[in-house]
Amino acid sequence: MVEILTSQVFSKDFIHEALMEFIGRYPKWLRGNRDKLSKAKNKYEHYEKQLGLMVNLTVVYENEPQEFSKIINIMQNIQECGMPPSDIIADIFPGLDLSTMGQW
């Protein structure tokens, strides 16, 4: 039961559209915030890595959608990078209360 639910949550149909929105906005956001991010230790590289993982996830979704273990692994790596930039989240999900993100 848990495996079925998890596979549905991480399915391409469920996540692909939002993922493509992030990938579409991330490079411009990185360029616009490079100076500010460069002042913080490894912040730019951190976000750049997160974007790369998102791109890798779309490649797996397109070429190997049945490789659930790869999808989970990439998703875990994305999660380890932390939250994507709040500016991008707010653009994609207007009205979302970011102050409660990560709190249960």
PDB file of N, CA and C in Angstrom:
ATOM      1  N   MET A   1       0.820  -1.198   0.000  1.00  0.00           N
ATOM      2  CA  MET A   1       0.000   0.000   0.000  1.00  0.00           C
ATOM      3  C   MET A   1       0.863   1.260   0.000  1.00  0.00           C
ATOM      4  N   VAL A   2       1.858   1.312   0.908  1.00  0.00           N
ATOM      5  CA  VAL A   2       2.738   2.476   0.985  1.00  0.00           C
ATOM      6  C   VAL A   2       3.529   2.629  -0.306  1.00  0.00           C
ATOM      7  N   GLU A   3       3.997   1.526  -0.857  1.00  0.00           N
ATOM      8  CA  GLU A   3       4.769   1.578  -2.107  1.00  0.00           C
ATOM      9  C   GLU A   3       3.925   2.116  -3.251  1.00  0.00           C
ATOM     10  N   ILE A   4       2.674   1.704  -3.317  1.00  0.00           N
ATOM     11  CA  ILE A   4       1.785   2.187  -4.379  1.00  0.00           C
ATOM     12  C   ILE A   4       1.553   3.683  -4.224  1.00  0.00           C
ATOM     13  N   LEU A   5       1.264   4.121  -2.999  1.00  0.00           N
ATOM     14  CA  LEU A   5       1.036   5.539  -2.741  1.00  0.00           C
ATOM     15  C   LEU A   5       2.280   6.359  -3.071  1.00  0.00           C
ATOM     16  N   THR A   6       3.442   5.888  -2.627  1.00  0.00           N
ATOM     17  CA  THR A   6       4.695   6.586  -2.891  1.00  0.00           C
ATOM     18  C   THR A   6       4.978   6.664  -4.378  1.00  0.00           C
ATOM     19  N   SER A   7       4.751   5.576  -5.095  1.00  0.00           N
ATOM     20  CA  SER A   7       5.011   5.591  -6.538  1.00  0.00           C
ATOM     21  C   SER A   7       4.067   6.554  -7.253  1.00  0.00           C
ATOM     22  N   GLN A   8       2.840   6.713  -6.740  1.00  0.00           N
ATOM     23  CA  GLN A   8       1.915   7.662  -7.347  1.00  0.00           C
ATOM     24  C   GLN A   8       2.321   9.100  -7.061  1.00  0.00           C
ATOM     25  N   VAL A   9       2.792   9.373  -5.843  1.00  0.00           N
ATOM     26  CA  VAL A   9       3.209  10.731  -5.469  1.00  0.00           C
ATOM     27  C   VAL A   9       4.415  11.167  -6.292  1.00  0.00           C
ATOM     28  N   PHE A  10       5.334  10.245  -6.547  1.00  0.00           N
ATOM     29  CA  PHE A  10       6.537  10.580  -7.304  1.00  0.00           C
ATOM     30  C   PHE A  10       6.394  10.288  -8.794  1.00  0.00           C
ATOM     31  N   SER A  11       5.183  10.007  -9.239  1.00  0.00           N
ATOM     32  CA  SER A  11       4.988   9.707 -10.655  1.00  0.00           C
ATOM     33  C   SER A  11       5.160  10.965 -11.497  1.00  0.00           C
ATOM     34  N   LYS A  12       5.511  10.758 -12.736  1.00  0.00           N
ATOM     35  CA  LYS A  12       5.699  11.871 -13.672  1.00  0.00           C
ATOM     36  C   LYS A  12       4.428  12.704 -13.786  1.00  0.00           C
ATOM     37  N   ASP A  13       3.284  12.051 -13.830  1.00  0.00           N
ATOM     38  CA  ASP A  13       2.016  12.776 -13.976  1.00  0.00           C
ATOM     39  C   ASP A  13       1.775  13.728 -12.813  1.00  0.00           C
ATOM     40  N   PHE A  14       2.226  13.365 -11.649  1.00  0.00           N
ATOM     41  CA  PHE A  14       1.969  14.158 -10.453  1.00  0.00           C
ATOM     42  C   PHE A  14       2.924  15.333 -10.306  1.00  0.00           C
ATOM     43  N   ILE A  15       4.175  15.166 -10.699  1.00  0.00           N
ATOM     44  CA  ILE A  15       5.209  16.153 -10.369  1.00  0.00           C
ATOM     45  C   ILE A  15       5.808  16.874 -11.578  1.00  0.00           C
ATOM     46  N   HIS A  16       5.637  16.346 -12.756  1.00  0.00           N
ATOM     47  CA  HIS A  16       6.346  16.834 -13.934  1.00  0.00           C
ATOM     48  C   HIS A  16       6.090  18.311 -14.237  1.00  0.00           C
ATOM     49  N   GLU A  17       4.841  18.746 -14.174  1.00  0.00           N
ATOM     50  CA  GLU A  17       4.526  20.132 -14.535  1.00  0.00           C
ATOM     51  C   GLU A  17       5.234  21.132 -13.615  1.00  0.00           C
ATOM     52  N   ALA A  18       5.162  20.901 -12.315  1.00  0.00           N
ATOM     53  CA  ALA A  18       5.834  21.802 -11.367  1.00  0.00           C
ATOM     54  C   ALA A  18       7.345  21.740 -11.551  1.00  0.00           C
ATOM     55  N   LEU A  19       7.871  20.556 -11.791  1.00  0.00           N
ATOM     56  CA  LEU A  19       9.309  20.391 -12.010  1.00  0.00           C
ATOM     57  C   LEU A  19       9.765  21.203 -13.222  1.00  0.00           C
ATOM     58  N   MET A  20       8.995  21.163 -14.289  1.00  0.00           N
ATOM     59  CA  MET A  20       9.345  21.920 -15.484  1.00  0.00           C
ATOM     60  C   MET A  20       9.261  23.424 -15.229  1.00  0.00           C
ATOM     61  N   GLU A  21       8.333  23.852 -14.394  1.00  0.00           N
ATOM     62  CA  GLU A  21       8.245  25.266 -14.011  1.00  0.00           C
ATOM     63  C   GLU A  21       9.518  25.691 -13.279  1.00  0.00           C
ATOM     64  N   PHE A  22       9.961  24.860 -12.333  1.00  0.00           N
ATOM     65  CA  PHE A  22      11.194  25.177 -11.608  1.00  0.00           C
ATOM     66  C   PHE A  22      12.373  25.270 -12.562  1.00  0.00           C
ATOM     67  N   ILE A  23      12.510  24.282 -13.418  1.00  0.00           N
ATOM     68  CA  ILE A  23      13.638  24.248 -14.354  1.00  0.00           C
ATOM     69  C   ILE A  23      13.601  25.458 -15.290  1.00  0.00           C
ATOM     70  N   GLY A  24      12.426  25.877 -15.678  1.00  0.00           N
ATOM     71  CA  GLY A  24      12.298  27.031 -16.561  1.00  0.00           C
ATOM     72  C   GLY A  24      12.685  28.346 -15.897  1.00  0.00           C
ATOM     73  N   ARG A  25      12.450  28.456 -14.602  1.00  0.00           N
ATOM     74  CA  ARG A  25      12.703  29.716 -13.894  1.00  0.00           C
ATOM     75  C   ARG A  25      14.068  29.770 -13.203  1.00  0.00           C
ATOM     76  N   TYR A  26      14.597  28.619 -12.867  1.00  0.00           N
ATOM     77  CA  TYR A  26      15.819  28.555 -12.062  1.00  0.00           C
ATOM     78  C   TYR A  26      17.022  29.247 -12.696  1.00  0.00           C
ATOM     79  N   PRO A  27      17.354  29.004 -13.970  1.00  0.00           N
ATOM     80  CA  PRO A  27      18.557  29.640 -14.539  1.00  0.00           C
ATOM     81  C   PRO A  27      18.513  31.170 -14.474  1.00  0.00           C
ATOM     82  N   LYS A  28      17.375  31.760 -14.809  1.00  0.00           N
ATOM     83  CA  LYS A  28      17.246  33.215 -14.745  1.00  0.00           C
ATOM     84  C   LYS A  28      17.414  33.694 -13.301  1.00  0.00           C
ATOM     85  N   TRP A  29      16.820  32.964 -12.359  1.00  0.00           N
ATOM     86  CA  TRP A  29      16.942  33.328 -10.947  1.00  0.00           C
ATOM     87  C   TRP A  29      18.411  33.253 -10.501  1.00  0.00           C
ATOM     88  N   LEU A  30      19.109  32.206 -10.922  1.00  0.00           N
ATOM     89  CA  LEU A  30      20.532  32.066 -10.567  1.00  0.00           C
ATOM     90  C   LEU A  30      21.350  33.223 -11.122  1.00  0.00           C
ATOM     91  N   ARG A  31      21.113  33.577 -12.385  1.00  0.00           N
ATOM     92  CA  ARG A  31      21.845  34.706 -12.977  1.00  0.00           C
ATOM     93  C   ARG A  31      21.565  35.995 -12.216  1.00  0.00           C
ATOM     94  N   GLY A  32      20.309  36.215 -11.887  1.00  0.00           N
ATOM     95  CA  GLY A  32      19.923  37.448 -11.207  1.00  0.00           C
ATOM     96  C   GLY A  32      20.395  37.551  -9.770  1.00  0.00           C
ATOM     97  N   ASN A  33      20.718  36.418  -9.169  1.00  0.00           N
ATOM     98  CA  ASN A  33      21.113  36.404  -7.758  1.00  0.00           C
ATOM     99  C   ASN A  33      22.550  35.940  -7.543  1.00  0.00           C
ATOM    100  N   ARG A  34      23.302  35.827  -8.619  1.00  0.00           N
ATOM    101  CA  ARG A  34      24.663  35.288  -8.525  1.00  0.00           C
ATOM    102  C   ARG A  34      25.539  36.071  -7.541  1.00  0.00           C
ATOM    103  N   ASP A  35      25.537  37.390  -7.639  1.00  0.00           N
ATOM    104  CA  ASP A  35      26.390  38.194  -6.753  1.00  0.00           C
ATOM    105  C   ASP A  35      26.012  37.992  -5.294  1.00  0.00           C
ATOM    106  N   LYS A  36      24.732  38.053  -5.010  1.00  0.00           N
ATOM    107  CA  LYS A  36      24.259  37.876  -3.635  1.00  0.00           C
ATOM    108  C   LYS A  36      24.584  36.471  -3.119  1.00  0.00           C
ATOM    109  N   LEU A  37      24.384  35.462  -3.958  1.00  0.00           N
ATOM    110  CA  LEU A  37      24.646  34.079  -3.554  1.00  0.00           C
ATOM    111  C   LEU A  37      26.131  33.800  -3.403  1.00  0.00           C
ATOM    112  N   SER A  38      26.951  34.465  -4.202  1.00  0.00           N
ATOM    113  CA  SER A  38      28.395  34.238  -4.146  1.00  0.00           C
ATOM    114  C   SER A  38      28.997  34.707  -2.829  1.00  0.00           C
ATOM    115  N   LYS A  39      28.321  35.622  -2.154  1.00  0.00           N
ATOM    116  CA  LYS A  39      28.811  36.117  -0.871  1.00  0.00           C
ATOM    117  C   LYS A  39      28.594  35.103   0.241  1.00  0.00           C
ATOM    118  N   ALA A  40      27.610  34.235   0.092  1.00  0.00           N
ATOM    119  CA  ALA A  40      27.338  33.192   1.076  1.00  0.00           C
ATOM    120  C   ALA A  40      28.086  31.929   0.662  1.00  0.00           C
ATOM    121  N   LYS A  41      28.695  31.278   1.628  1.00  0.00           N
ATOM    122  CA  LYS A  41      29.529  30.103   1.351  1.00  0.00           C
ATOM    123  C   LYS A  41      28.748  29.015   0.601  1.00  0.00           C
ATOM    124  N   ASN A  42      29.196  28.705  -0.595  1.00  0.00           N
ATOM    125  CA  ASN A  42      28.673  27.617  -1.425  1.00  0.00           C
ATOM    126  C   ASN A  42      27.197  27.739  -1.795  1.00  0.00           C
ATOM    127  N   LYS A  43      26.563  28.861  -1.557  1.00  0.00           N
ATOM    128  CA  LYS A  43      25.133  29.004  -1.825  1.00  0.00           C
ATOM    129  C   LYS A  43      24.828  28.872  -3.318  1.00  0.00           C
ATOM    130  N   TYR A  44      25.617  29.543  -4.153  1.00  0.00           N
ATOM    131  CA  TYR A  44      25.376  29.464  -5.594  1.00  0.00           C
ATOM    132  C   TYR A  44      25.523  28.015  -6.077  1.00  0.00           C
ATOM    133  N   GLU A  45      26.601  27.363  -5.657  1.00  0.00           N
ATOM    134  CA  GLU A  45      26.852  25.982  -6.059  1.00  0.00           C
ATOM    135  C   GLU A  45      25.743  25.062  -5.562  1.00  0.00           C
ATOM    136  N   HIS A  46      25.246  25.342  -4.372  1.00  0.00           N
ATOM    137  CA  HIS A  46      24.159  24.561  -3.784  1.00  0.00           C
ATOM    138  C   HIS A  46      22.921  24.617  -4.675  1.00  0.00           C
ATOM    139  N   TYR A  47      22.518  25.814  -5.066  1.00  0.00           N
ATOM    140  CA  TYR A  47      21.341  25.965  -5.917  1.00  0.00           C
ATOM    141  C   TYR A  47      21.589  25.428  -7.320  1.00  0.00           C
ATOM    142  N   GLU A  48      22.798  25.595  -7.804  1.00  0.00           N
ATOM    143  CA  GLU A  48      23.151  25.061  -9.119  1.00  0.00           C
ATOM    144  C   GLU A  48      23.051  23.526  -9.114  1.00  0.00           C
ATOM    145  N   LYS A  49      23.504  22.915  -8.027  1.00  0.00           N
ATOM    146  CA  LYS A  49      23.402  21.453  -7.879  1.00  0.00           C
ATOM    147  C   LYS A  49      21.938  21.029  -7.856  1.00  0.00           C
ATOM    148  N   GLN A  50      21.126  21.769  -7.131  1.00  0.00           N
ATOM    149  CA  GLN A  50      19.705  21.449  -7.045  1.00  0.00           C
ATOM    150  C   GLN A  50      19.053  21.502  -8.428  1.00  0.00           C
ATOM    151  N   LEU A  51      19.372  22.518  -9.196  1.00  0.00           N
ATOM    152  CA  LEU A  51      18.848  22.620 -10.556  1.00  0.00           C
ATOM    153  C   LEU A  51      19.301  21.420 -11.393  1.00  0.00           C
ATOM    154  N   GLY A  52      20.573  21.060 -11.301  1.00  0.00           N
ATOM    155  CA  GLY A  52      21.086  19.910 -12.052  1.00  0.00           C
ATOM    156  C   GLY A  52      20.354  18.624 -11.705  1.00  0.00           C
ATOM    157  N   LEU A  53      20.054  18.449 -10.426  1.00  0.00           N
ATOM    158  CA  LEU A  53      19.310  17.257 -10.001  1.00  0.00           C
ATOM    159  C   LEU A  53      17.893  17.262 -10.565  1.00  0.00           C
ATOM    160  N   MET A  54      17.280  18.429 -10.615  1.00  0.00           N
ATOM    161  CA  MET A  54      15.939  18.532 -11.192  1.00  0.00           C
ATOM    162  C   MET A  54      15.962  18.174 -12.674  1.00  0.00           C
ATOM    163  N   VAL A  55      16.988  18.640 -13.369  1.00  0.00           N
ATOM    164  CA  VAL A  55      17.130  18.303 -14.793  1.00  0.00           C
ATOM    165  C   VAL A  55      17.337  16.798 -14.945  1.00  0.00           C
ATOM    166  N   ASN A  56      18.191  16.214 -14.094  1.00  0.00           N
ATOM    167  CA  ASN A  56      18.416  14.761 -14.140  1.00  0.00           C
ATOM    168  C   ASN A  56      17.115  14.000 -13.917  1.00  0.00           C
ATOM    169  N   LEU A  57      16.291  14.496 -13.007  1.00  0.00           N
ATOM    170  CA  LEU A  57      15.021  13.838 -12.736  1.00  0.00           C
ATOM    171  C   LEU A  57      14.128  13.839 -13.974  1.00  0.00           C
ATOM    172  N   THR A  58      14.109  14.938 -14.707  1.00  0.00           N
ATOM    173  CA  THR A  58      13.279  14.969 -15.917  1.00  0.00           C
ATOM    174  C   THR A  58      13.800  13.989 -16.961  1.00  0.00           C
ATOM    175  N   VAL A  59      15.115  13.830 -17.035  1.00  0.00           N
ATOM    176  CA  VAL A  59      15.700  12.865 -17.977  1.00  0.00           C
ATOM    177  C   VAL A  59      15.260  11.450 -17.615  1.00  0.00           C
ATOM    178  N   VAL A  60      15.292  11.115 -16.329  1.00  0.00           N
ATOM    179  CA  VAL A  60      14.853   9.786 -15.903  1.00  0.00           C
ATOM    180  C   VAL A  60      13.362   9.608 -16.180  1.00  0.00           C
ATOM    181  N   TYR A  61      12.560  10.623 -15.869  1.00  0.00           N
ATOM    182  CA  TYR A  61      11.124  10.536 -16.165  1.00  0.00           C
ATOM    183  C   TYR A  61      10.867  10.303 -17.654  1.00  0.00           C
ATOM    184  N   GLU A  62      11.647  10.949 -18.503  1.00  0.00           N
ATOM    185  CA  GLU A  62      11.440  10.818 -19.951  1.00  0.00           C
ATOM    186  C   GLU A  62      11.948   9.489 -20.496  1.00  0.00           C
ATOM    187  N   ASN A  63      13.102   9.019 -19.990  1.00  0.00           N
ATOM    188  CA  ASN A  63      13.757   7.852 -20.580  1.00  0.00           C
ATOM    189  C   ASN A  63      13.587   6.554 -19.794  1.00  0.00           C
ATOM    190  N   GLU A  64      13.378   6.656 -18.493  1.00  0.00           N
ATOM    191  CA  GLU A  64      13.287   5.461 -17.658  1.00  0.00           C
ATOM    192  C   GLU A  64      12.208   5.620 -16.583  1.00  0.00           C
ATOM    193  N   PRO A  65      10.985   5.920 -16.959  1.00  0.00           N
ATOM    194  CA  PRO A  65       9.951   6.186 -15.954  1.00  0.00           C
ATOM    195  C   PRO A  65       9.666   4.999 -15.033  1.00  0.00           C
ATOM    196  N   GLN A  66      10.030   3.815 -15.451  1.00  0.00           N
ATOM    197  CA  GLN A  66       9.820   2.628 -14.635  1.00  0.00           C
ATOM    198  C   GLN A  66      10.903   2.450 -13.568  1.00  0.00           C
ATOM    199  N   GLU A  67      11.982   3.234 -13.643  1.00  0.00           N
ATOM    200  CA  GLU A  67      13.099   3.127 -12.689  1.00  0.00           C
ATOM    201  C   GLU A  67      12.798   3.910 -11.415  1.00  0.00           C
ATOM    202  N   PHE A  68      11.868   3.374 -10.649  1.00  0.00           N
ATOM    203  CA  PHE A  68      11.401   4.043  -9.437  1.00  0.00           C
ATOM    204  C   PHE A  68      12.544   4.291  -8.445  1.00  0.00           C
ATOM    205  N   SER A  69      13.480   3.364  -8.338  1.00  0.00           N
ATOM    206  CA  SER A  69      14.592   3.548  -7.389  1.00  0.00           C
ATOM    207  C   SER A  69      15.467   4.740  -7.788  1.00  0.00           C
ATOM    208  N   LYS A  70      15.673   4.953  -9.091  1.00  0.00           N
ATOM    209  CA  LYS A  70      16.434   6.122  -9.541  1.00  0.00           C
ATOM    210  C   LYS A  70      15.688   7.411  -9.219  1.00  0.00           C
ATOM    211  N   ILE A  71      14.386   7.386  -9.443  1.00  0.00           N
ATOM    212  CA  ILE A  71      13.566   8.564  -9.177  1.00  0.00           C
ATOM    213  C   ILE A  71      13.619   8.917  -7.693  1.00  0.00           C
ATOM    214  N   ILE A  72      13.461   7.917  -6.845  1.00  0.00           N
ATOM    215  CA  ILE A  72      13.516   8.146  -5.392  1.00  0.00           C
ATOM    216  C   ILE A  72      14.884   8.666  -4.986  1.00  0.00           C
ATOM    217  N   ASN A  73      15.945   8.102  -5.534  1.00  0.00           N
ATOM    218  CA  ASN A  73      17.309   8.531  -5.203  1.00  0.00           C
ATOM    219  C   ASN A  73      17.523   9.996  -5.570  1.00  0.00           C
ATOM    220  N   ILE A  74      17.110  10.386  -6.765  1.00  0.00           N
ATOM    221  CA  ILE A  74      17.269  11.776  -7.193  1.00  0.00           C
ATOM    222  C   ILE A  74      16.413  12.694  -6.321  1.00  0.00           C
ATOM    223  N   MET A  75      15.184  12.267  -6.024  1.00  0.00           N
ATOM    224  CA  MET A  75      14.316  13.079  -5.167  1.00  0.00           C
ATOM    225  C   MET A  75      14.936  13.277  -3.782  1.00  0.00           C
ATOM    226  N   GLN A  76      15.558  12.245  -3.242  1.00  0.00           N
ATOM    227  CA  GLN A  76      16.227  12.367  -1.943  1.00  0.00           C
ATOM    228  C   GLN A  76      17.390  13.348  -2.025  1.00  0.00           C
ATOM    229  N   ASN A  77      18.139  13.289  -3.108  1.00  0.00           N
ATOM    230  CA  ASN A  77      19.254  14.223  -3.290  1.00  0.00           C
ATOM    231  C   ASN A  77      18.750  15.664  -3.416  1.00  0.00           C
ATOM    232  N   ILE A  78      17.636  15.848  -4.116  1.00  0.00           N
ATOM    233  CA  ILE A  78      17.042  17.180  -4.215  1.00  0.00           C
ATOM    234  C   ILE A  78      16.626  17.658  -2.835  1.00  0.00           C
ATOM    235  N   GLN A  79      16.003  16.781  -2.074  1.00  0.00           N
ATOM    236  CA  GLN A  79      15.553  17.139  -0.726  1.00  0.00           C
ATOM    237  C   GLN A  79      16.736  17.502   0.177  1.00  0.00           C
ATOM    238  N   GLU A  80      17.840  16.804   0.034  1.00  0.00           N
ATOM    239  CA  GLU A  80      19.037  17.095   0.833  1.00  0.00           C
ATOM    240  C   GLU A  80      19.584  18.490   0.545  1.00  0.00           C
ATOM    241  N   CYS A  81      19.286  19.014  -0.624  1.00  0.00           N
ATOM    242  CA  CYS A  81      19.716  20.369  -0.976  1.00  0.00           C
ATOM    243  C   CYS A  81      18.875  21.426  -0.264  1.00  0.00           C
ATOM    244  N   GLY A  82      17.775  21.025   0.335  1.00  0.00           N
ATOM    245  CA  GLY A  82      16.908  21.969   1.016  1.00  0.00           C
ATOM    246  C   GLY A  82      15.851  22.534   0.085  1.00  0.00           C
ATOM    247  N   MET A  83      15.193  23.564   0.576  1.00  0.00           N
ATOM    248  CA  MET A  83      14.124  24.194  -0.191  1.00  0.00           C
ATOM    249  C   MET A  83      14.693  24.937  -1.392  1.00  0.00           C
ATOM    250  N   PRO A  84      13.977  24.876  -2.507  1.00  0.00           N
ATOM    251  CA  PRO A  84      14.355  25.732  -3.629  1.00  0.00           C
ATOM    252  C   PRO A  84      14.146  27.193  -3.232  1.00  0.00           C
ATOM    253  N   PRO A  85      14.634  28.121  -4.025  1.00  0.00           N
ATOM    254  CA  PRO A  85      14.473  29.542  -3.694  1.00  0.00           C
ATOM    255  C   PRO A  85      13.004  29.912  -3.478  1.00  0.00           C
ATOM    256  N   SER A  86      12.762  30.620  -2.390  1.00  0.00           N
ATOM    257  CA  SER A  86      11.382  30.984  -2.051  1.00  0.00           C
ATOM    258  C   SER A  86      10.745  31.866  -3.126  1.00  0.00           C
ATOM    259  N   ASP A  87      11.546  32.659  -3.829  1.00  0.00           N
ATOM    260  CA  ASP A  87      11.024  33.492  -4.924  1.00  0.00           C
ATOM    261  C   ASP A  87      10.372  32.622  -6.002  1.00  0.00           C
ATOM    262  N   ILE A  88      11.028  31.530  -6.346  1.00  0.00           N
ATOM    263  CA  ILE A  88      10.517  30.646  -7.390  1.00  0.00           C
ATOM    264  C   ILE A  88       9.283  29.908  -6.880  1.00  0.00           C
ATOM    265  N   ILE A  89       9.340  29.433  -5.648  1.00  0.00           N
ATOM    266  CA  ILE A  89       8.179  28.740  -5.075  1.00  0.00           C
ATOM    267  C   ILE A  89       6.963  29.653  -5.090  1.00  0.00           C
ATOM    268  N   ALA A  90       7.148  30.898  -4.675  1.00  0.00           N
ATOM    269  CA  ALA A  90       6.038  31.855  -4.633  1.00  0.00           C
ATOM    270  C   ALA A  90       5.481  32.130  -6.025  1.00  0.00           C
ATOM    271  N   ASP A  91       6.339  32.148  -7.036  1.00  0.00           N
ATOM    272  CA  ASP A  91       5.874  32.369  -8.410  1.00  0.00           C
ATOM    273  C   ASP A  91       5.046  31.186  -8.917  1.00  0.00           C
ATOM    274  N   ILE A  92       5.490  29.979  -8.591  1.00  0.00           N
ATOM    275  CA  ILE A  92       4.827  28.778  -9.101  1.00  0.00           C
ATOM    276  C   ILE A  92       3.567  28.454  -8.298  1.00  0.00           C
ATOM    277  N   PHE A  93       3.629  28.689  -6.987  1.00  0.00           N
ATOM    278  CA  PHE A  93       2.506  28.381  -6.100  1.00  0.00           C
ATOM    279  C   PHE A  93       2.068  29.640  -5.359  1.00  0.00           C
ATOM    280  N   PRO A  94       1.456  30.585  -6.064  1.00  0.00           N
ATOM    281  CA  PRO A  94       1.046  31.828  -5.398  1.00  0.00           C
ATOM    282  C   PRO A  94       0.051  31.529  -4.272  1.00  0.00           C
ATOM    283  N   GLY A  95       0.217  32.246  -3.179  1.00  0.00           N
ATOM    284  CA  GLY A  95      -0.673  32.063  -2.041  1.00  0.00           C
ATOM    285  C   GLY A  95      -0.225  30.993  -1.069  1.00  0.00           C
ATOM    286  N   LEU A  96       0.807  30.244  -1.429  1.00  0.00           N
ATOM    287  CA  LEU A  96       1.328  29.214  -0.534  1.00  0.00           C
ATOM    288  C   LEU A  96       2.038  29.881   0.635  1.00  0.00           C
ATOM    289  N   ASP A  97       1.717  29.474   1.841  1.00  0.00           N
ATOM    290  CA  ASP A  97       2.338  30.044   3.035  1.00  0.00           C
ATOM    291  C   ASP A  97       3.687  29.375   3.263  1.00  0.00           C
ATOM    292  N   LEU A  98       4.757  30.041   2.843  1.00  0.00           N
ATOM    293  CA  LEU A  98       6.100  29.480   2.954  1.00  0.00           C
ATOM    294  C   LEU A  98       6.595  29.427   4.391  1.00  0.00           C
ATOM    295  N   SER A  99       5.966  30.156   5.290  1.00  0.00           N
ATOM    296  CA  SER A  99       6.424  30.165   6.680  1.00  0.00           C
ATOM    297  C   SER A  99       6.187  28.823   7.369  1.00  0.00           C
ATOM    298  N   THR A 100       5.302  28.004   6.839  1.00  0.00           N
ATOM    299  CA  THR A 100       5.018  26.710   7.459  1.00  0.00           C
ATOM    300  C   THR A 100       5.722  25.558   6.760  1.00  0.00           C
ATOM    301  N   MET A 101       6.439  25.838   5.712  1.00  0.00           N
ATOM    302  CA  MET A 101       7.119  24.777   4.973  1.00  0.00           C
ATOM    303  C   MET A 101       8.139  24.096   5.867  1.00  0.00           C
ATOM    304  N   GLY A 102       8.079  22.771   5.875  1.00  0.00           N
ATOM    305  CA  GLY A 102       9.018  21.990   6.662  1.00  0.00           C
ATOM    306  C   GLY A 102       8.623  21.858   8.118  1.00  0.00           C
ATOM    307  N   GLN A 103       7.471  22.371   8.479  1.00  0.00           N
ATOM    308  CA  GLN A 103       7.009  22.275   9.867  1.00  0.00           C
ATOM    309  C   GLN A 103       5.794  21.356   9.905  1.00  0.00           C
ATOM    310  N   TRP A 104       5.756  20.482  10.904  1.00  0.00           N
ATOM    311  CA  TRP A 104       4.614  19.560  11.057  1.00  0.00           C
ATOM    312  C   TRP A 104       3.906  19.800  12.335  1.00  0.00           C
TER     313      TRP A 104
END
